[in-house]
Amino acid sequence: MDRSSIFEEFQHLCNSEHDKRIELGRMKVLFADHRFGLDVEEVSAKYFATAFGFIFQKLKAGPMIIGYWEPVMNSWHGVLVYGMDGDVLHYLNPDSASGGLLTNSIEYFCSKGNVLVASRKW
């Protein structure tokens, strides 16, 4: 399956052609597309910040994608979480300016509203 064509299909979800920011509800539509095979849950940031067991259980089944408010970008953003060490998440950030393999406290992802958690359906 050509995933790039799926993302092109969803370009309309961005705020505009030139503004590539996305709203939480629109991100949820993208993550929930059946072609990705993901279970998508929206949890409160307060819950996510303290839900070590919830996160650990998700990661036992494999990496997960989270959508969260990124203050630096002033937009919702998605990263691939592949590990956890205490209250620190290990993740791949696809952002070309500040991306790569990074770590941050769970609280970093809880700055505003809710957090989307997308994990593979099994």
PDB file of N, CA and C in Angstrom:
ATOM      1  N   MET A   1       0.845  -1.174   0.000  1.00  0.00           N
ATOM      2  CA  MET A   1       0.000   0.000   0.000  1.00  0.00           C
ATOM      3  C   MET A   1       0.893   1.240   0.000  1.00  0.00           C
ATOM      4  N   ASP A   2       0.577   2.192  -0.851  1.00  0.00           N
ATOM      5  CA  ASP A   2       1.329   3.431  -0.928  1.00  0.00           C
ATOM      6  C   ASP A   2       0.789   4.424   0.095  1.00  0.00           C
ATOM      7  N   ARG A   3       1.485   4.514   1.229  1.00  0.00           N
ATOM      8  CA  ARG A   3       1.013   5.383   2.313  1.00  0.00           C
ATOM      9  C   ARG A   3       1.078   6.865   1.917  1.00  0.00           C
ATOM     10  N   SER A   4       2.000   7.240   1.011  1.00  0.00           N
ATOM     11  CA  SER A   4       2.092   8.650   0.634  1.00  0.00           C
ATOM     12  C   SER A   4       0.799   9.116  -0.013  1.00  0.00           C
ATOM     13  N   SER A   5       0.133   8.256  -0.781  1.00  0.00           N
ATOM     14  CA  SER A   5      -1.127   8.662  -1.395  1.00  0.00           C
ATOM     15  C   SER A   5      -2.213   8.857  -0.339  1.00  0.00           C
ATOM     16  N   ILE A   6      -2.148   8.096   0.747  1.00  0.00           N
ATOM     17  CA  ILE A   6      -3.107   8.284   1.830  1.00  0.00           C
ATOM     18  C   ILE A   6      -2.915   9.671   2.446  1.00  0.00           C
ATOM     19  N   PHE A   7      -1.658  10.050   2.694  1.00  0.00           N
ATOM     20  CA  PHE A   7      -1.411  11.363   3.282  1.00  0.00           C
ATOM     21  C   PHE A   7      -1.835  12.473   2.324  1.00  0.00           C
ATOM     22  N   GLU A   8      -1.605  12.285   1.032  1.00  0.00           N
ATOM     23  CA  GLU A   8      -2.064  13.270   0.052  1.00  0.00           C
ATOM     24  C   GLU A   8      -3.583  13.396   0.101  1.00  0.00           C
ATOM     25  N   GLU A   9      -4.257  12.274   0.259  1.00  0.00           N
ATOM     26  CA  GLU A   9      -5.710  12.270   0.386  1.00  0.00           C
ATOM     27  C   GLU A   9      -6.177  13.121   1.557  1.00  0.00           C
ATOM     28  N   PHE A  10      -5.379  13.135   2.625  1.00  0.00           N
ATOM     29  CA  PHE A  10      -5.768  13.824   3.846  1.00  0.00           C
ATOM     30  C   PHE A  10      -5.219  15.248   3.940  1.00  0.00           C
ATOM     31  N   GLN A  11      -4.647  15.762   2.864  1.00  0.00           N
ATOM     32  CA  GLN A  11      -4.132  17.134   2.890  1.00  0.00           C
ATOM     33  C   GLN A  11      -5.219  18.129   3.297  1.00  0.00           C
ATOM     34  N   HIS A  12      -6.470  17.845   2.950  1.00  0.00           N
ATOM     35  CA  HIS A  12      -7.575  18.743   3.287  1.00  0.00           C
ATOM     36  C   HIS A  12      -7.782  18.867   4.794  1.00  0.00           C
ATOM     37  N   LEU A  13      -7.182  17.959   5.562  1.00  0.00           N
ATOM     38  CA  LEU A  13      -7.332  18.025   7.012  1.00  0.00           C
ATOM     39  C   LEU A  13      -6.490  19.141   7.635  1.00  0.00           C
ATOM     40  N   CYS A  14      -5.454  19.581   6.913  1.00  0.00           N
ATOM     41  CA  CYS A  14      -4.644  20.685   7.417  1.00  0.00           C
ATOM     42  C   CYS A  14      -5.449  21.976   7.349  1.00  0.00           C
ATOM     43  N   ASN A  15      -5.038  22.966   8.124  1.00  0.00           N
ATOM     44  CA  ASN A  15      -5.778  24.228   8.179  1.00  0.00           C
ATOM     45  C   ASN A  15      -5.880  24.899   6.816  1.00  0.00           C
ATOM     46  N   SER A  16      -4.825  24.809   6.004  1.00  0.00           N
ATOM     47  CA  SER A  16      -4.849  25.345   4.645  1.00  0.00           C
ATOM     48  C   SER A  16      -3.686  24.716   3.881  1.00  0.00           C
ATOM     49  N   GLU A  17      -3.611  25.017   2.592  1.00  0.00           N
ATOM     50  CA  GLU A  17      -2.534  24.461   1.764  1.00  0.00           C
ATOM     51  C   GLU A  17      -1.163  24.903   2.251  1.00  0.00           C
ATOM     52  N   HIS A  18      -1.079  26.127   2.759  1.00  0.00           N
ATOM     53  CA  HIS A  18       0.214  26.674   3.185  1.00  0.00           C
ATOM     54  C   HIS A  18       0.466  26.508   4.677  1.00  0.00           C
ATOM     55  N   ASP A  19      -0.583  26.317   5.430  1.00  0.00           N
ATOM     56  CA  ASP A  19      -0.480  26.143   6.871  1.00  0.00           C
ATOM     57  C   ASP A  19      -0.685  24.664   7.162  1.00  0.00           C
ATOM     58  N   LYS A  20       0.387  23.941   7.417  1.00  0.00           N
ATOM     59  CA  LYS A  20       0.316  22.485   7.556  1.00  0.00           C
ATOM     60  C   LYS A  20      -0.073  22.037   8.959  1.00  0.00           C
ATOM     61  N   ARG A  21      -0.513  22.967   9.811  1.00  0.00           N
ATOM     62  CA  ARG A  21      -0.963  22.578  11.139  1.00  0.00           C
ATOM     63  C   ARG A  21      -2.273  21.807  11.034  1.00  0.00           C
ATOM     64  N   ILE A  22      -2.529  20.988  12.052  1.00  0.00           N
ATOM     65  CA  ILE A  22      -3.731  20.167  12.056  1.00  0.00           C
ATOM     66  C   ILE A  22      -4.398  20.259  13.417  1.00  0.00           C
ATOM     67  N   GLU A  23      -5.708  20.219  13.431  1.00  0.00           N
ATOM     68  CA  GLU A  23      -6.465  20.240  14.673  1.00  0.00           C
ATOM     69  C   GLU A  23      -6.597  18.818  15.218  1.00  0.00           C
ATOM     70  N   LEU A  24      -6.859  18.684  16.505  1.00  0.00           N
ATOM     71  CA  LEU A  24      -6.948  17.373  17.148  1.00  0.00           C
ATOM     72  C   LEU A  24      -8.012  16.485  16.494  1.00  0.00           C
ATOM     73  N   GLY A  25      -9.187  17.021  16.258  1.00  0.00           N
ATOM     74  CA  GLY A  25     -10.259  16.233  15.653  1.00  0.00           C
ATOM     75  C   GLY A  25      -9.891  15.722  14.273  1.00  0.00           C
ATOM     76  N   ARG A  26      -9.200  16.541  13.508  1.00  0.00           N
ATOM     77  CA  ARG A  26      -8.766  16.142  12.172  1.00  0.00           C
ATOM     78  C   ARG A  26      -7.667  15.090  12.244  1.00  0.00           C
ATOM     79  N   MET A  27      -6.796  15.231  13.235  1.00  0.00           N
ATOM     80  CA  MET A  27      -5.749  14.226  13.424  1.00  0.00           C
ATOM     81  C   MET A  27      -6.383  12.877  13.773  1.00  0.00           C
ATOM     82  N   LYS A  28      -7.421  12.912  14.575  1.00  0.00           N
ATOM     83  CA  LYS A  28      -8.117  11.681  14.966  1.00  0.00           C
ATOM     84  C   LYS A  28      -8.712  10.989  13.734  1.00  0.00           C
ATOM     85  N   VAL A  29      -9.270  11.749  12.818  1.00  0.00           N
ATOM     86  CA  VAL A  29      -9.807  11.191  11.571  1.00  0.00           C
ATOM     87  C   VAL A  29      -8.693  10.498  10.787  1.00  0.00           C
ATOM     88  N   LEU A  30      -7.546  11.131  10.699  1.00  0.00           N
ATOM     89  CA  LEU A  30      -6.409  10.551   9.985  1.00  0.00           C
ATOM     90  C   LEU A  30      -5.942   9.255  10.639  1.00  0.00           C
ATOM     91  N   PHE A  31      -5.715   9.287  11.948  1.00  0.00           N
ATOM     92  CA  PHE A  31      -5.239   8.093  12.668  1.00  0.00           C
ATOM     93  C   PHE A  31      -6.234   6.944  12.575  1.00  0.00           C
ATOM     94  N   ALA A  32      -7.521   7.266  12.542  1.00  0.00           N
ATOM     95  CA  ALA A  32      -8.560   6.230  12.577  1.00  0.00           C
ATOM     96  C   ALA A  32      -8.882   5.637  11.205  1.00  0.00           C
ATOM     97  N   ASP A  33      -8.254   6.131  10.145  1.00  0.00           N
ATOM     98  CA  ASP A  33      -8.530   5.572   8.820  1.00  0.00           C
ATOM     99  C   ASP A  33      -8.240   4.071   8.834  1.00  0.00           C
ATOM    100  N   HIS A  34      -9.175   3.282   8.339  1.00  0.00           N
ATOM    101  CA  HIS A  34      -9.080   1.818   8.419  1.00  0.00           C
ATOM    102  C   HIS A  34      -7.834   1.251   7.739  1.00  0.00           C
ATOM    103  N   ARG A  35      -7.276   1.972   6.783  1.00  0.00           N
ATOM    104  CA  ARG A  35      -6.090   1.474   6.065  1.00  0.00           C
ATOM    105  C   ARG A  35      -4.838   1.431   6.939  1.00  0.00           C
ATOM    106  N   PHE A  36      -4.829   2.188   8.023  1.00  0.00           N
ATOM    107  CA  PHE A  36      -3.689   2.161   8.934  1.00  0.00           C
ATOM    108  C   PHE A  36      -3.796   1.042   9.955  1.00  0.00           C
ATOM    109  N   GLY A  37      -4.992   0.521  10.175  1.00  0.00           N
ATOM    110  CA  GLY A  37      -5.176  -0.579  11.115  1.00  0.00           C
ATOM    111  C   GLY A  37      -4.860  -0.216  12.549  1.00  0.00           C
ATOM    112  N   LEU A  38      -5.261   0.983  12.966  1.00  0.00           N
ATOM    113  CA  LEU A  38      -4.959   1.450  14.319  1.00  0.00           C
ATOM    114  C   LEU A  38      -6.223   1.570  15.160  1.00  0.00           C
ATOM    115  N   ASP A  39      -6.094   1.212  16.432  1.00  0.00           N
ATOM    116  CA  ASP A  39      -7.105   1.549  17.427  1.00  0.00           C
ATOM    117  C   ASP A  39      -6.732   2.927  17.950  1.00  0.00           C
ATOM    118  N   VAL A  40      -7.685   3.829  17.992  1.00  0.00           N
ATOM    119  CA  VAL A  40      -7.408   5.200  18.410  1.00  0.00           C
ATOM    120  C   VAL A  40      -8.241   5.530  19.640  1.00  0.00           C
ATOM    121  N   GLU A  41      -7.565   6.013  20.667  1.00  0.00           N
ATOM    122  CA  GLU A  41      -8.236   6.433  21.896  1.00  0.00           C
ATOM    123  C   GLU A  41      -7.851   7.872  22.184  1.00  0.00           C
ATOM    124  N   GLU A  42      -8.816   8.633  22.640  1.00  0.00           N
ATOM    125  CA  GLU A  42      -8.541   9.994  23.078  1.00  0.00           C
ATOM    126  C   GLU A  42      -8.652  10.002  24.594  1.00  0.00           C
ATOM    127  N   VAL A  43      -7.553  10.340  25.259  1.00  0.00           N
ATOM    128  CA  VAL A  43      -7.531  10.343  26.721  1.00  0.00           C
ATOM    129  C   VAL A  43      -7.165  11.744  27.197  1.00  0.00           C
ATOM    130  N   SER A  44      -7.595  12.079  28.381  1.00  0.00           N
ATOM    131  CA  SER A  44      -7.253  13.403  28.920  1.00  0.00           C
ATOM    132  C   SER A  44      -5.757  13.477  29.191  1.00  0.00           C
ATOM    133  N   ALA A  45      -5.218  14.670  29.029  1.00  0.00           N
ATOM    134  CA  ALA A  45      -3.796  14.869  29.307  1.00  0.00           C
ATOM    135  C   ALA A  45      -3.488  14.550  30.765  1.00  0.00           C
ATOM    136  N   LYS A  46      -4.410  14.871  31.652  1.00  0.00           N
ATOM    137  CA  LYS A  46      -4.218  14.585  33.082  1.00  0.00           C
ATOM    138  C   LYS A  46      -4.084  13.085  33.313  1.00  0.00           C
ATOM    139  N   TYR A  47      -4.936  12.290  32.657  1.00  0.00           N
ATOM    140  CA  TYR A  47      -4.860  10.833  32.774  1.00  0.00           C
ATOM    141  C   TYR A  47      -3.555  10.315  32.162  1.00  0.00           C
ATOM    142  N   PHE A  48      -3.231  10.782  30.968  1.00  0.00           N
ATOM    143  CA  PHE A  48      -2.035  10.306  30.270  1.00  0.00           C
ATOM    144  C   PHE A  48      -0.774  10.569  31.095  1.00  0.00           C
ATOM    145  N   ALA A  49      -0.730  11.709  31.770  1.00  0.00           N
ATOM    146  CA  ALA A  49       0.450  12.086  32.560  1.00  0.00           C
ATOM    147  C   ALA A  49       0.724  11.125  33.710  1.00  0.00           C
ATOM    148  N   THR A  50      -0.300  10.414  34.153  1.00  0.00           N
ATOM    149  CA  THR A  50      -0.127   9.518  35.304  1.00  0.00           C
ATOM    150  C   THR A  50      -0.415   8.056  34.962  1.00  0.00           C
ATOM    151  N   ALA A  51      -0.668   7.768  33.714  1.00  0.00           N
ATOM    152  CA  ALA A  51      -1.124   6.431  33.299  1.00  0.00           C
ATOM    153  C   ALA A  51       0.028   5.534  32.865  1.00  0.00           C
ATOM    154  N   PHE A  52       0.992   5.338  33.746  1.00  0.00           N
ATOM    155  CA  PHE A  52       2.162   4.536  33.388  1.00  0.00           C
ATOM    156  C   PHE A  52       1.758   3.126  32.973  1.00  0.00           C
ATOM    157  N   GLY A  53       0.813   2.521  33.691  1.00  0.00           N
ATOM    158  CA  GLY A  53       0.349   1.174  33.356  1.00  0.00           C
ATOM    159  C   GLY A  53      -0.324   1.120  32.001  1.00  0.00           C
ATOM    160  N   PHE A  54      -1.143   2.112  31.696  1.00  0.00           N
ATOM    161  CA  PHE A  54      -1.825   2.205  30.400  1.00  0.00           C
ATOM    162  C   PHE A  54      -0.800   2.275  29.269  1.00  0.00           C
ATOM    163  N   ILE A  55       0.182   3.151  29.415  1.00  0.00           N
ATOM    164  CA  ILE A  55       1.213   3.314  28.385  1.00  0.00           C
ATOM    165  C   ILE A  55       2.042   2.044  28.261  1.00  0.00           C
ATOM    166  N   PHE A  56       2.432   1.469  29.392  1.00  0.00           N
ATOM    167  CA  PHE A  56       3.232   0.245  29.376  1.00  0.00           C
ATOM    168  C   PHE A  56       2.497  -0.874  28.651  1.00  0.00           C
ATOM    169  N   GLN A  57       1.198  -1.047  28.926  1.00  0.00           N
ATOM    170  CA  GLN A  57       0.413  -2.096  28.263  1.00  0.00           C
ATOM    171  C   GLN A  57       0.353  -1.874  26.761  1.00  0.00           C
ATOM    172  N   LYS A  58       0.187  -0.636  26.339  1.00  0.00           N
ATOM    173  CA  LYS A  58       0.167  -0.331  24.903  1.00  0.00           C
ATOM    174  C   LYS A  58       1.501  -0.686  24.262  1.00  0.00           C
ATOM    175  N   LEU A  59       2.588  -0.337  24.932  1.00  0.00           N
ATOM    176  CA  LEU A  59       3.921  -0.578  24.366  1.00  0.00           C
ATOM    177  C   LEU A  59       4.292  -2.059  24.359  1.00  0.00           C
ATOM    178  N   LYS A  60       3.692  -2.849  25.233  1.00  0.00           N
ATOM    179  CA  LYS A  60       3.951  -4.294  25.209  1.00  0.00           C
ATOM    180  C   LYS A  60       3.522  -4.892  23.874  1.00  0.00           C
ATOM    181  N   ALA A  61       2.525  -4.295  23.242  1.00  0.00           N
ATOM    182  CA  ALA A  61       2.021  -4.784  21.957  1.00  0.00           C
ATOM    183  C   ALA A  61       2.786  -4.192  20.771  1.00  0.00           C
ATOM    184  N   GLY A  62       3.672  -3.245  21.031  1.00  0.00           N
ATOM    185  CA  GLY A  62       4.445  -2.620  19.959  1.00  0.00           C
ATOM    186  C   GLY A  62       4.416  -1.112  20.069  1.00  0.00           C
ATOM    187  N   PRO A  63       5.084  -0.442  19.144  1.00  0.00           N
ATOM    188  CA  PRO A  63       5.104   1.026  19.173  1.00  0.00           C
ATOM    189  C   PRO A  63       3.701   1.612  19.056  1.00  0.00           C
ATOM    190  N   MET A  64       3.555   2.829  19.532  1.00  0.00           N
ATOM    191  CA  MET A  64       2.268   3.526  19.412  1.00  0.00           C
ATOM    192  C   MET A  64       2.525   4.940  18.919  1.00  0.00           C
ATOM    193  N   ILE A  65       1.521   5.501  18.305  1.00  0.00           N
ATOM    194  CA  ILE A  65       1.589   6.884  17.853  1.00  0.00           C
ATOM    195  C   ILE A  65       0.780   7.716  18.843  1.00  0.00           C
ATOM    196  N   ILE A  66       1.342   8.848  19.233  1.00  0.00           N
ATOM    197  CA  ILE A  66       0.551   9.750  20.063  1.00  0.00           C
ATOM    198  C   ILE A  66       0.432  11.095  19.345  1.00  0.00           C
ATOM    199  N   GLY A  67      -0.733  11.679  19.471  1.00  0.00           N
ATOM    200  CA  GLY A  67      -0.978  13.019  18.982  1.00  0.00           C
ATOM    201  C   GLY A  67      -1.157  13.923  20.190  1.00  0.00           C
ATOM    202  N   TYR A  68      -0.445  15.013  20.215  1.00  0.00           N
ATOM    203  CA  TYR A  68      -0.449  15.893  21.389  1.00  0.00           C
ATOM    204  C   TYR A  68      -0.241  17.334  20.943  1.00  0.00           C
ATOM    205  N   TRP A  69      -0.535  18.275  21.820  1.00  0.00           N
ATOM    206  CA  TRP A  69      -0.299  19.683  21.543  1.00  0.00           C
ATOM    207  C   TRP A  69       1.183  19.967  21.699  1.00  0.00           C
ATOM    208  N   GLU A  70       1.807  20.464  20.637  1.00  0.00           N
ATOM    209  CA  GLU A  70       3.234  20.801  20.663  1.00  0.00           C
ATOM    210  C   GLU A  70       3.360  22.327  20.729  1.00  0.00           C
ATOM    211  N   PRO A  71       3.701  22.857  21.913  1.00  0.00           N
ATOM    212  CA  PRO A  71       3.767  24.314  22.078  1.00  0.00           C
ATOM    213  C   PRO A  71       4.763  24.991  21.131  1.00  0.00           C
ATOM    214  N   VAL A  72       5.884  24.333  20.856  1.00  0.00           N
ATOM    215  CA  VAL A  72       6.899  24.928  19.982  1.00  0.00           C
ATOM    216  C   VAL A  72       6.344  25.155  18.577  1.00  0.00           C
ATOM    217  N   MET A  73       5.499  24.237  18.114  1.00  0.00           N
ATOM    218  CA  MET A  73       4.920  24.338  16.777  1.00  0.00           C
ATOM    219  C   MET A  73       3.585  25.082  16.783  1.00  0.00           C
ATOM    220  N   ASN A  74       3.039  25.316  17.963  1.00  0.00           N
ATOM    221  CA  ASN A  74       1.720  25.927  18.102  1.00  0.00           C
ATOM    222  C   ASN A  74       0.682  25.139  17.294  1.00  0.00           C
ATOM    223  N   SER A  75       0.748  23.830  17.430  1.00  0.00           N
ATOM    224  CA  SER A  75      -0.129  22.948  16.667  1.00  0.00           C
ATOM    225  C   SER A  75      -0.143  21.570  17.317  1.00  0.00           C
ATOM    226  N   TRP A  76      -1.081  20.746  16.883  1.00  0.00           N
ATOM    227  CA  TRP A  76      -1.084  19.343  17.272  1.00  0.00           C
ATOM    228  C   TRP A  76      -0.014  18.649  16.454  1.00  0.00           C
ATOM    229  N   HIS A  77       0.584  17.629  17.021  1.00  0.00           N
ATOM    230  CA  HIS A  77       1.725  16.959  16.392  1.00  0.00           C
ATOM    231  C   HIS A  77       1.672  15.477  16.743  1.00  0.00           C
ATOM    232  N   GLY A  78       2.223  14.643  15.894  1.00  0.00           N
ATOM    233  CA  GLY A  78       2.255  13.211  16.151  1.00  0.00           C
ATOM    234  C   GLY A  78       3.675  12.671  16.174  1.00  0.00           C
ATOM    235  N   VAL A  79       3.927  11.752  17.105  1.00  0.00           N
ATOM    236  CA  VAL A  79       5.232  11.085  17.202  1.00  0.00           C
ATOM    237  C   VAL A  79       5.008   9.590  17.416  1.00  0.00           C
ATOM    238  N   LEU A  80       6.017   8.804  17.082  1.00  0.00           N
ATOM    239  CA  LEU A  80       5.975   7.356  17.272  1.00  0.00           C
ATOM    240  C   LEU A  80       6.731   7.009  18.550  1.00  0.00           C
ATOM    241  N   VAL A  81       6.017   6.513  19.538  1.00  0.00           N
ATOM    242  CA  VAL A  81       6.626   6.139  20.826  1.00  0.00           C
ATOM    243  C   VAL A  81       7.005   4.669  20.752  1.00  0.00           C
ATOM    244  N   TYR A  82       8.278   4.364  21.039  1.00  0.00           N
ATOM    245  CA  TYR A  82       8.749   2.977  20.949  1.00  0.00           C
ATOM    246  C   TYR A  82       9.282   2.432  22.264  1.00  0.00           C
ATOM    247  N   GLY A  83       9.351   3.257  23.302  1.00  0.00           N
ATOM    248  CA  GLY A  83       9.860   2.763  24.574  1.00  0.00           C
ATOM    249  C   GLY A  83       9.528   3.689  25.723  1.00  0.00           C
ATOM    250  N   MET A  84       9.712   3.150  26.921  1.00  0.00           N
ATOM    251  CA  MET A  84       9.396   3.889  28.143  1.00  0.00           C
ATOM    252  C   MET A  84      10.389   3.473  29.216  1.00  0.00           C
ATOM    253  N   ASP A  85      10.883   4.444  29.953  1.00  0.00           N
ATOM    254  CA  ASP A  85      11.795   4.190  31.051  1.00  0.00           C
ATOM    255  C   ASP A  85      11.337   5.051  32.226  1.00  0.00           C
ATOM    256  N   GLY A  86      10.603   4.436  33.152  1.00  0.00           N
ATOM    257  CA  GLY A  86      10.016   5.210  34.250  1.00  0.00           C
ATOM    258  C   GLY A  86       8.974   6.162  33.706  1.00  0.00           C
ATOM    259  N   ASP A  87       9.188   7.467  33.919  1.00  0.00           N
ATOM    260  CA  ASP A  87       8.236   8.455  33.402  1.00  0.00           C
ATOM    261  C   ASP A  87       8.758   9.157  32.143  1.00  0.00           C
ATOM    262  N   VAL A  88       9.688   8.508  31.462  1.00  0.00           N
ATOM    263  CA  VAL A  88      10.282   9.060  30.238  1.00  0.00           C
ATOM    264  C   VAL A  88       9.881   8.215  29.037  1.00  0.00           C
ATOM    265  N   LEU A  89       9.416   8.887  27.967  1.00  0.00           N
ATOM    266  CA  LEU A  89       9.082   8.190  26.726  1.00  0.00           C
ATOM    267  C   LEU A  89      10.217   8.349  25.723  1.00  0.00           C
ATOM    268  N   HIS A  90      10.489   7.284  25.000  1.00  0.00           N
ATOM    269  CA  HIS A  90      11.462   7.286  23.904  1.00  0.00           C
ATOM    270  C   HIS A  90      10.647   7.302  22.620  1.00  0.00           C
ATOM    271  N   TYR A  91      10.943   8.245  21.721  1.00  0.00           N
ATOM    272  CA  TYR A  91      10.078   8.412  20.559  1.00  0.00           C
ATOM    273  C   TYR A  91      10.850   8.895  19.333  1.00  0.00           C
ATOM    274  N   LEU A  92      10.232   8.680  18.189  1.00  0.00           N
ATOM    275  CA  LEU A  92      10.730   9.179  16.920  1.00  0.00           C
ATOM    276  C   LEU A  92       9.876  10.378  16.542  1.00  0.00           C
ATOM    277  N   ASN A  93      10.517  11.524  16.408  1.00  0.00           N
ATOM    278  CA  ASN A  93       9.826  12.747  16.017  1.00  0.00           C
ATOM    279  C   ASN A  93      10.133  12.987  14.540  1.00  0.00           C
ATOM    280  N   PRO A  94       9.102  12.981  13.667  1.00  0.00           N
ATOM    281  CA  PRO A  94       9.352  13.127  12.233  1.00  0.00           C
ATOM    282  C   PRO A  94       9.603  14.569  11.779  1.00  0.00           C
ATOM    283  N   ASP A  95       9.547  15.536  12.687  1.00  0.00           N
ATOM    284  CA  ASP A  95       9.737  16.934  12.326  1.00  0.00           C
ATOM    285  C   ASP A  95      11.145  17.158  11.785  1.00  0.00           C
ATOM    286  N   SER A  96      11.246  17.773  10.619  1.00  0.00           N
ATOM    287  CA  SER A  96      12.555  17.949   9.982  1.00  0.00           C
ATOM    288  C   SER A  96      13.445  18.942  10.718  1.00  0.00           C
ATOM    289  N   ALA A  97      12.866  19.878  11.456  1.00  0.00           N
ATOM    290  CA  ALA A  97      13.663  20.885  12.147  1.00  0.00           C
ATOM    291  C   ALA A  97      14.240  20.375  13.463  1.00  0.00           C
ATOM    292  N   SER A  98      13.457  19.623  14.226  1.00  0.00           N
ATOM    293  CA  SER A  98      13.915  19.208  15.556  1.00  0.00           C
ATOM    294  C   SER A  98      13.687  17.722  15.789  1.00  0.00           C
ATOM    295  N   GLY A  99      13.544  16.963  14.735  1.00  0.00           N
ATOM    296  CA  GLY A  99      13.175  15.561  14.862  1.00  0.00           C
ATOM    297  C   GLY A  99      14.333  14.635  15.146  1.00  0.00           C
ATOM    298  N   GLY A 100      14.030  13.362  15.098  1.00  0.00           N
ATOM    299  CA  GLY A 100      15.006  12.321  15.358  1.00  0.00           C
ATOM    300  C   GLY A 100      14.534  11.437  16.489  1.00  0.00           C
ATOM    301  N   LEU A 101      15.443  10.653  17.021  1.00  0.00           N
ATOM    302  CA  LEU A 101      15.153   9.796  18.164  1.00  0.00           C
ATOM    303  C   LEU A 101      15.365  10.628  19.425  1.00  0.00           C
ATOM    304  N   LEU A 102      14.296  10.839  20.168  1.00  0.00           N
ATOM    305  CA  LEU A 102      14.330  11.746  21.311  1.00  0.00           C
ATOM    306  C   LEU A 102      13.736  11.086  22.546  1.00  0.00           C
ATOM    307  N   THR A 103      13.922  11.733  23.688  1.00  0.00           N
ATOM    308  CA  THR A 103      13.292  11.311  24.934  1.00  0.00           C
ATOM    309  C   THR A 103      12.710  12.557  25.607  1.00  0.00           C
ATOM    310  N   ASN A 104      11.623  12.351  26.319  1.00  0.00           N
ATOM    311  CA  ASN A 104      11.009  13.415  27.096  1.00  0.00           C
ATOM    312  C   ASN A 104      10.140  12.797  28.175  1.00  0.00           C
ATOM    313  N   SER A 105       9.904  13.564  29.226  1.00  0.00           N
ATOM    314  CA  SER A 105       9.004  13.082  30.273  1.00  0.00           C
ATOM    315  C   SER A 105       7.592  12.974  29.705  1.00  0.00           C
ATOM    316  N   ILE A 106       6.812  12.096  30.275  1.00  0.00           N
ATOM    317  CA  ILE A 106       5.429  11.923  29.839  1.00  0.00           C
ATOM    318  C   ILE A 106       4.681  13.253  29.956  1.00  0.00           C
ATOM    319  N   GLU A 107       4.971  14.010  30.982  1.00  0.00           N
ATOM    320  CA  GLU A 107       4.286  15.288  31.189  1.00  0.00           C
ATOM    321  C   GLU A 107       4.481  16.256  30.028  1.00  0.00           C
ATOM    322  N   TYR A 108       5.583  16.143  29.295  1.00  0.00           N
ATOM    323  CA  TYR A 108       5.842  17.023  28.152  1.00  0.00           C
ATOM    324  C   TYR A 108       4.699  16.949  27.142  1.00  0.00           C
ATOM    325  N   PHE A 109       4.099  15.774  26.994  1.00  0.00           N
ATOM    326  CA  PHE A 109       3.061  15.548  25.993  1.00  0.00           C
ATOM    327  C   PHE A 109       1.667  15.935  26.494  1.00  0.00           C
ATOM    328  N   CYS A 110       1.610  16.523  27.671  1.00  0.00           N
ATOM    329  CA  CYS A 110       0.328  16.790  28.315  1.00  0.00           C
ATOM    330  C   CYS A 110       0.084  18.271  28.547  1.00  0.00           C
ATOM    331  N   SER A 111       0.586  19.111  27.681  1.00  0.00           N
ATOM    332  CA  SER A 111       0.497  20.548  27.927  1.00  0.00           C
ATOM    333  C   SER A 111      -0.880  21.138  27.660  1.00  0.00           C
ATOM    334  N   LYS A 112      -1.722  20.455  26.878  1.00  0.00           N
ATOM    335  CA  LYS A 112      -3.022  21.040  26.538  1.00  0.00           C
ATOM    336  C   LYS A 112      -4.019  19.944  26.178  1.00  0.00           C
ATOM    337  N   GLY A 113      -5.204  20.061  26.730  1.00  0.00           N
ATOM    338  CA  GLY A 113      -6.317  19.215  26.296  1.00  0.00           C
ATOM    339  C   GLY A 113      -6.090  17.731  26.429  1.00  0.00           C
ATOM    340  N   ASN A 114      -6.359  17.025  25.356  1.00  0.00           N
ATOM    341  CA  ASN A 114      -6.298  15.570  25.352  1.00  0.00           C
ATOM    342  C   ASN A 114      -5.102  15.064  24.559  1.00  0.00           C
ATOM    343  N   VAL A 115      -4.854  13.764  24.670  1.00  0.00           N
ATOM    344  CA  VAL A 115      -3.786  13.092  23.935  1.00  0.00           C
ATOM    345  C   VAL A 115      -4.437  11.967  23.135  1.00  0.00           C
ATOM    346  N   LEU A 116      -4.079  11.868  21.868  1.00  0.00           N
ATOM    347  CA  LEU A 116      -4.530  10.734  21.059  1.00  0.00           C
ATOM    348  C   LEU A 116      -3.517   9.612  21.193  1.00  0.00           C
ATOM    349  N   VAL A 117      -4.009   8.413  21.382  1.00  0.00           N
ATOM    350  CA  VAL A 117      -3.145   7.236  21.473  1.00  0.00           C
ATOM    351  C   VAL A 117      -3.601   6.258  20.393  1.00  0.00           C
ATOM    352  N   ALA A 118      -2.714   5.973  19.464  1.00  0.00           N
ATOM    353  CA  ALA A 118      -3.045   5.064  18.364  1.00  0.00           C
ATOM    354  C   ALA A 118      -2.100   3.880  18.417  1.00  0.00           C
ATOM    355  N   SER A 119      -2.670   2.690  18.504  1.00  0.00           N
ATOM    356  CA  SER A 119      -1.847   1.482  18.541  1.00  0.00           C
ATOM    357  C   SER A 119      -2.408   0.459  17.545  1.00  0.00           C
ATOM    358  N   ARG A 120      -1.568  -0.429  17.151  1.00  0.00           N
ATOM    359  CA  ARG A 120      -1.914  -1.414  16.128  1.00  0.00           C
ATOM    360  C   ARG A 120      -3.050  -2.327  16.603  1.00  0.00           C
ATOM    361  N   LYS A 121      -4.013  -2.562  15.731  1.00  0.00           N
ATOM    362  CA  LYS A 121      -5.075  -3.527  16.030  1.00  0.00           C
ATOM    363  C   LYS A 121      -4.475  -4.919  15.855  1.00  0.00           C
ATOM    364  N   TRP A 122      -4.791  -5.829  16.755  1.00  0.00           N
ATOM    365  CA  TRP A 122      -4.248  -7.193  16.623  1.00  0.00           C
ATOM    366  C   TRP A 122      -5.335  -8.170  16.475  1.00  0.00           C
TER     367      TRP A 122
END
